[in-house]
Amino acid sequence: MTTALTQGLERIPDQLGYLVISDGAVLASSGELENDERSAAVLSELVGTACGLRLQRGLEPPFKRLSVVFGEHSLLVTVSGQKLFVVKRQNREPRARECVRIGGGGGDPK
């Protein structure tokens, strides 16, 4: 069920699931993160730790987004007000680059 809280999360390309967290509690979830209270607790603690890294004084968190990148997927955390929006997203395979030889006359370089 799409609500105003989650409609943007459901449209993110390559997303595998999402969590909406407030005060450590799961408000909404889907996909591979459905009802994943353990991940919600760990990510809430991670954000709390990151907020302790303040370089400037202020009430706002010192960042807007936090990315935790694994091999095949990433967890993308956005802080908005008192809520954490977490998306588990499939990492895209880097495109193979073709090496193109430029110049030369076709013989062995010496």
N, C-alpha and C. Protein backbone atom coordinates (compact mmCIF):
# COMPACT_ATOMS: atom_id res chain seq x y z
N MET A 1 0.84 -1.18 0.00
CA MET A 1 0.00 0.00 0.00
C MET A 1 0.88 1.24 0.00
N THR A 2 0.67 2.11 -0.95
CA THR A 2 1.44 3.34 -1.06
C THR A 2 0.79 4.43 -0.22
N THR A 3 1.59 5.08 0.59
CA THR A 3 1.11 6.22 1.36
C THR A 3 2.00 7.41 1.02
N ALA A 4 1.61 8.58 1.50
CA ALA A 4 2.42 9.77 1.26
C ALA A 4 3.82 9.59 1.85
N LEU A 5 3.93 8.80 2.89
CA LEU A 5 5.21 8.55 3.56
C LEU A 5 6.17 7.73 2.70
N THR A 6 5.60 6.84 1.87
CA THR A 6 6.46 5.88 1.15
C THR A 6 6.41 5.98 -0.37
N GLN A 7 5.59 6.84 -0.93
CA GLN A 7 5.42 6.85 -2.38
C GLN A 7 6.71 7.13 -3.14
N GLY A 8 7.55 8.01 -2.62
CA GLY A 8 8.82 8.29 -3.28
C GLY A 8 9.79 7.12 -3.19
N LEU A 9 9.75 6.38 -2.09
CA LEU A 9 10.66 5.25 -1.89
C LEU A 9 10.38 4.12 -2.88
N GLU A 10 9.13 3.94 -3.20
CA GLU A 10 8.74 2.84 -4.09
C GLU A 10 9.14 3.09 -5.53
N ARG A 11 9.45 4.34 -5.87
CA ARG A 11 9.82 4.67 -7.26
C ARG A 11 11.33 4.69 -7.49
N ILE A 12 12.11 4.44 -6.47
CA ILE A 12 13.58 4.47 -6.62
C ILE A 12 14.03 3.28 -7.45
N PRO A 13 14.80 3.53 -8.52
CA PRO A 13 15.26 2.42 -9.38
C PRO A 13 16.15 1.45 -8.61
N ASP A 14 16.03 0.18 -8.92
CA ASP A 14 16.86 -0.89 -8.35
C ASP A 14 16.69 -1.06 -6.84
N GLN A 15 15.61 -0.52 -6.27
CA GLN A 15 15.42 -0.70 -4.84
C GLN A 15 14.93 -2.10 -4.54
N LEU A 16 15.46 -2.67 -3.46
CA LEU A 16 15.11 -4.03 -3.04
C LEU A 16 14.20 -4.02 -1.81
N GLY A 17 14.05 -2.87 -1.20
CA GLY A 17 13.21 -2.74 -0.02
C GLY A 17 13.48 -1.42 0.65
N TYR A 18 12.63 -1.07 1.62
CA TYR A 18 12.83 0.18 2.35
C TYR A 18 12.31 0.06 3.77
N LEU A 19 12.78 0.98 4.61
CA LEU A 19 12.32 1.15 5.98
C LEU A 19 12.08 2.63 6.22
N VAL A 20 11.06 2.95 6.97
CA VAL A 20 10.87 4.29 7.50
C VAL A 20 10.90 4.13 9.01
N ILE A 21 11.82 4.83 9.66
CA ILE A 21 12.08 4.63 11.09
C ILE A 21 11.89 5.95 11.82
N SER A 22 11.28 5.88 13.00
CA SER A 22 11.17 7.05 13.87
C SER A 22 11.38 6.57 15.30
N ASP A 23 12.32 7.19 15.99
CA ASP A 23 12.66 6.80 17.37
C ASP A 23 12.93 5.31 17.50
N GLY A 24 13.58 4.73 16.51
CA GLY A 24 13.93 3.31 16.53
C GLY A 24 12.82 2.37 16.14
N ALA A 25 11.61 2.89 15.94
CA ALA A 25 10.46 2.04 15.58
C ALA A 25 10.23 2.08 14.07
N VAL A 26 9.85 0.94 13.50
CA VAL A 26 9.55 0.85 12.08
C VAL A 26 8.13 1.36 11.84
N LEU A 27 8.04 2.44 11.05
CA LEU A 27 6.72 2.99 10.70
C LEU A 27 6.18 2.37 9.43
N ALA A 28 7.08 2.03 8.49
CA ALA A 28 6.69 1.42 7.22
C ALA A 28 7.88 0.61 6.71
N SER A 29 7.58 -0.44 5.95
CA SER A 29 8.66 -1.26 5.41
C SER A 29 8.14 -2.04 4.21
N SER A 30 9.10 -2.54 3.42
CA SER A 30 8.73 -3.29 2.22
C SER A 30 9.92 -4.10 1.75
N GLY A 31 9.64 -5.09 0.89
CA GLY A 31 10.68 -5.86 0.23
C GLY A 31 11.57 -6.61 1.20
N GLU A 32 12.87 -6.61 0.91
CA GLU A 32 13.84 -7.35 1.72
C GLU A 32 14.01 -6.76 3.12
N LEU A 33 13.50 -5.56 3.36
CA LEU A 33 13.58 -4.94 4.68
C LEU A 33 12.25 -4.98 5.42
N GLU A 34 11.30 -5.74 4.90
CA GLU A 34 9.96 -5.85 5.50
C GLU A 34 10.08 -6.27 6.97
N ASN A 35 9.54 -5.44 7.86
CA ASN A 35 9.51 -5.71 9.30
C ASN A 35 10.89 -6.03 9.89
N ASP A 36 11.94 -5.47 9.33
CA ASP A 36 13.31 -5.77 9.77
C ASP A 36 13.69 -4.82 10.92
N GLU A 37 13.23 -5.15 12.12
CA GLU A 37 13.47 -4.31 13.28
C GLU A 37 14.93 -4.31 13.70
N ARG A 38 15.64 -5.40 13.45
CA ARG A 38 17.06 -5.45 13.80
C ARG A 38 17.85 -4.44 12.96
N SER A 39 17.60 -4.42 11.65
CA SER A 39 18.29 -3.44 10.79
C SER A 39 17.90 -2.03 11.19
N ALA A 40 16.64 -1.83 11.55
CA ALA A 40 16.19 -0.50 11.98
C ALA A 40 16.95 -0.05 13.22
N ALA A 41 17.16 -0.95 14.17
CA ALA A 41 17.88 -0.61 15.39
C ALA A 41 19.35 -0.31 15.09
N VAL A 42 19.96 -1.14 14.26
CA VAL A 42 21.38 -0.94 13.92
C VAL A 42 21.57 0.37 13.17
N LEU A 43 20.71 0.64 12.19
CA LEU A 43 20.84 1.87 11.41
C LEU A 43 20.54 3.12 12.26
N SER A 44 19.60 3.02 13.17
CA SER A 44 19.32 4.14 14.08
C SER A 44 20.55 4.43 14.93
N GLU A 45 21.21 3.38 15.41
CA GLU A 45 22.43 3.57 16.20
C GLU A 45 23.55 4.15 15.35
N LEU A 46 23.67 3.68 14.11
CA LEU A 46 24.70 4.20 13.19
C LEU A 46 24.49 5.69 12.95
N VAL A 47 23.26 6.10 12.70
CA VAL A 47 22.97 7.51 12.48
C VAL A 47 23.25 8.32 13.74
N GLY A 48 22.90 7.77 14.90
CA GLY A 48 23.19 8.44 16.16
C GLY A 48 24.69 8.65 16.35
N THR A 49 25.47 7.63 16.00
CA THR A 49 26.93 7.74 16.10
C THR A 49 27.45 8.79 15.12
N ALA A 50 26.95 8.75 13.89
CA ALA A 50 27.38 9.73 12.88
C ALA A 50 27.01 11.15 13.30
N CYS A 51 25.89 11.31 13.97
CA CYS A 51 25.50 12.64 14.44
C CYS A 51 26.46 13.15 15.51
N GLY A 52 27.14 12.25 16.19
CA GLY A 52 28.12 12.64 17.19
C GLY A 52 29.39 13.20 16.58
N LEU A 53 29.53 13.09 15.28
CA LEU A 53 30.71 13.59 14.59
C LEU A 53 30.54 15.04 14.14
N ARG A 54 29.80 15.80 14.87
CA ARG A 54 29.51 17.19 14.49
C ARG A 54 30.79 18.02 14.45
N LEU A 55 30.97 18.71 13.36
CA LEU A 55 32.09 19.63 13.23
C LEU A 55 31.65 21.05 13.55
N GLN A 56 30.35 21.30 13.41
CA GLN A 56 29.79 22.61 13.73
C GLN A 56 28.63 22.40 14.69
N ARG A 57 28.39 23.38 15.51
CA ARG A 57 27.27 23.28 16.45
C ARG A 57 25.97 23.59 15.71
N GLY A 58 24.92 22.95 16.12
CA GLY A 58 23.62 23.20 15.54
C GLY A 58 22.65 22.10 15.89
N LEU A 59 21.40 22.33 15.61
CA LEU A 59 20.37 21.34 15.92
C LEU A 59 20.18 20.31 14.81
N GLU A 60 20.51 20.69 13.60
CA GLU A 60 20.35 19.79 12.46
C GLU A 60 21.47 18.74 12.45
N PRO A 61 21.19 17.53 11.94
CA PRO A 61 22.26 16.54 11.80
C PRO A 61 23.36 17.09 10.88
N PRO A 62 24.60 16.65 11.06
CA PRO A 62 25.70 17.17 10.25
C PRO A 62 25.70 16.64 8.82
N PHE A 63 24.71 15.85 8.46
CA PHE A 63 24.61 15.28 7.11
C PHE A 63 23.15 15.10 6.77
N LYS A 64 22.88 14.93 5.49
CA LYS A 64 21.51 14.65 5.04
C LYS A 64 21.35 13.21 4.60
N ARG A 65 22.44 12.64 4.07
CA ARG A 65 22.38 11.26 3.59
C ARG A 65 23.61 10.50 4.08
N LEU A 66 23.39 9.21 4.30
CA LEU A 66 24.45 8.32 4.74
C LEU A 66 24.33 7.06 3.89
N SER A 67 25.44 6.65 3.28
CA SER A 67 25.43 5.44 2.44
C SER A 67 26.33 4.39 3.05
N VAL A 68 25.82 3.17 3.12
CA VAL A 68 26.60 2.03 3.55
C VAL A 68 26.66 1.09 2.34
N VAL A 69 27.84 0.96 1.75
CA VAL A 69 27.98 0.25 0.48
C VAL A 69 28.58 -1.13 0.73
N PHE A 70 27.87 -2.15 0.30
CA PHE A 70 28.32 -3.53 0.35
C PHE A 70 28.66 -3.95 -1.08
N GLY A 71 29.04 -5.18 -1.28
CA GLY A 71 29.39 -5.64 -2.62
C GLY A 71 28.25 -5.57 -3.61
N GLU A 72 27.12 -6.19 -3.30
CA GLU A 72 26.02 -6.28 -4.26
C GLU A 72 24.90 -5.27 -4.02
N HIS A 73 24.89 -4.67 -2.82
CA HIS A 73 23.83 -3.70 -2.53
C HIS A 73 24.36 -2.60 -1.62
N SER A 74 23.55 -1.55 -1.51
CA SER A 74 23.85 -0.43 -0.62
C SER A 74 22.63 -0.12 0.22
N LEU A 75 22.87 0.40 1.41
CA LEU A 75 21.79 0.94 2.23
C LEU A 75 21.95 2.45 2.21
N LEU A 76 20.94 3.14 1.74
CA LEU A 76 20.96 4.60 1.62
C LEU A 76 20.02 5.17 2.67
N VAL A 77 20.55 5.97 3.57
CA VAL A 77 19.78 6.52 4.68
C VAL A 77 19.66 8.03 4.49
N THR A 78 18.43 8.51 4.51
CA THR A 78 18.17 9.95 4.45
C THR A 78 17.49 10.36 5.74
N VAL A 79 17.99 11.43 6.35
CA VAL A 79 17.42 11.96 7.58
C VAL A 79 16.51 13.12 7.22
N SER A 80 15.27 13.06 7.66
CA SER A 80 14.33 14.15 7.42
C SER A 80 13.49 14.34 8.68
N GLY A 81 13.70 15.45 9.34
CA GLY A 81 12.99 15.68 10.60
C GLY A 81 13.40 14.63 11.62
N GLN A 82 12.42 13.96 12.18
CA GLN A 82 12.67 12.91 13.17
C GLN A 82 12.64 11.51 12.54
N LYS A 83 12.59 11.46 11.22
CA LYS A 83 12.47 10.16 10.54
C LYS A 83 13.73 9.81 9.76
N LEU A 84 13.98 8.51 9.68
CA LEU A 84 15.04 7.96 8.83
C LEU A 84 14.36 7.20 7.71
N PHE A 85 14.75 7.51 6.49
CA PHE A 85 14.24 6.80 5.32
C PHE A 85 15.39 5.96 4.78
N VAL A 86 15.24 4.66 4.80
CA VAL A 86 16.30 3.74 4.40
C VAL A 86 15.86 2.97 3.17
N VAL A 87 16.71 2.95 2.17
CA VAL A 87 16.43 2.17 0.95
C VAL A 87 17.57 1.19 0.74
N LYS A 88 17.22 -0.07 0.53
CA LYS A 88 18.21 -1.06 0.13
C LYS A 88 18.17 -1.10 -1.39
N ARG A 89 19.32 -0.82 -1.99
CA ARG A 89 19.37 -0.67 -3.44
C ARG A 89 20.44 -1.59 -4.03
N GLN A 90 20.08 -2.23 -5.12
CA GLN A 90 21.01 -3.08 -5.85
C GLN A 90 22.09 -2.22 -6.47
N ASN A 91 23.36 -2.58 -6.26
CA ASN A 91 24.45 -1.85 -6.92
C ASN A 91 24.51 -2.28 -8.36
N ARG A 92 24.71 -1.34 -9.22
CA ARG A 92 24.82 -1.65 -10.65
C ARG A 92 26.22 -2.12 -10.96
N GLU A 93 26.29 -3.07 -11.88
CA GLU A 93 27.60 -3.56 -12.33
C GLU A 93 28.26 -2.44 -13.13
N PRO A 94 29.54 -2.18 -12.85
CA PRO A 94 30.21 -1.18 -13.68
C PRO A 94 30.32 -1.69 -15.11
N ARG A 95 30.09 -0.81 -16.03
CA ARG A 95 30.19 -1.21 -17.45
C ARG A 95 31.63 -1.49 -17.80
N ALA A 96 31.81 -2.54 -18.55
CA ALA A 96 33.16 -2.87 -19.01
C ALA A 96 33.61 -1.79 -19.98
N ARG A 97 34.81 -1.34 -19.80
CA ARG A 97 35.33 -0.32 -20.70
C ARG A 97 36.15 -0.99 -21.78
N GLU A 98 35.91 -0.57 -22.98
CA GLU A 98 36.70 -1.09 -24.09
C GLU A 98 37.96 -0.26 -24.22
N CYS A 99 39.04 -0.95 -24.37
CA CYS A 99 40.30 -0.26 -24.61
C CYS A 99 40.47 -0.12 -26.12
N VAL A 100 40.57 1.08 -26.55
CA VAL A 100 40.71 1.34 -27.97
C VAL A 100 42.11 1.85 -28.21
N ARG A 101 42.80 1.22 -29.12
CA ARG A 101 44.14 1.65 -29.46
C ARG A 101 44.05 2.73 -30.52
N ILE A 102 44.64 3.84 -30.21
CA ILE A 102 44.57 4.97 -31.13
C ILE A 102 45.94 5.15 -31.79
N GLY A 103 45.92 5.41 -33.09
CA GLY A 103 47.17 5.70 -33.81
C GLY A 103 47.91 4.41 -34.15
N GLY A 104 49.15 4.58 -34.51
CA GLY A 104 49.97 3.42 -34.84
C GLY A 104 49.70 2.94 -36.24
N GLY A 105 50.58 2.22 -36.73
CA GLY A 105 50.44 1.75 -38.10
C GLY A 105 50.18 0.27 -38.21
N GLY A 106 49.91 -0.38 -37.11
CA GLY A 106 49.59 -1.79 -37.20
C GLY A 106 50.78 -2.69 -36.94
N GLY A 107 51.98 -2.15 -36.87
CA GLY A 107 53.15 -2.98 -36.59
C GLY A 107 53.42 -3.05 -35.10
N ASP A 108 54.41 -3.84 -34.71
CA ASP A 108 54.79 -3.92 -33.31
C ASP A 108 55.48 -2.63 -32.90
N PRO A 109 55.10 -2.06 -31.76
CA PRO A 109 55.79 -0.86 -31.28
C PRO A 109 57.21 -1.22 -30.84
N LYS A 110 58.15 -0.37 -31.16
CA LYS A 110 59.54 -0.61 -30.76
C LYS A 110 60.09 0.56 -30.03
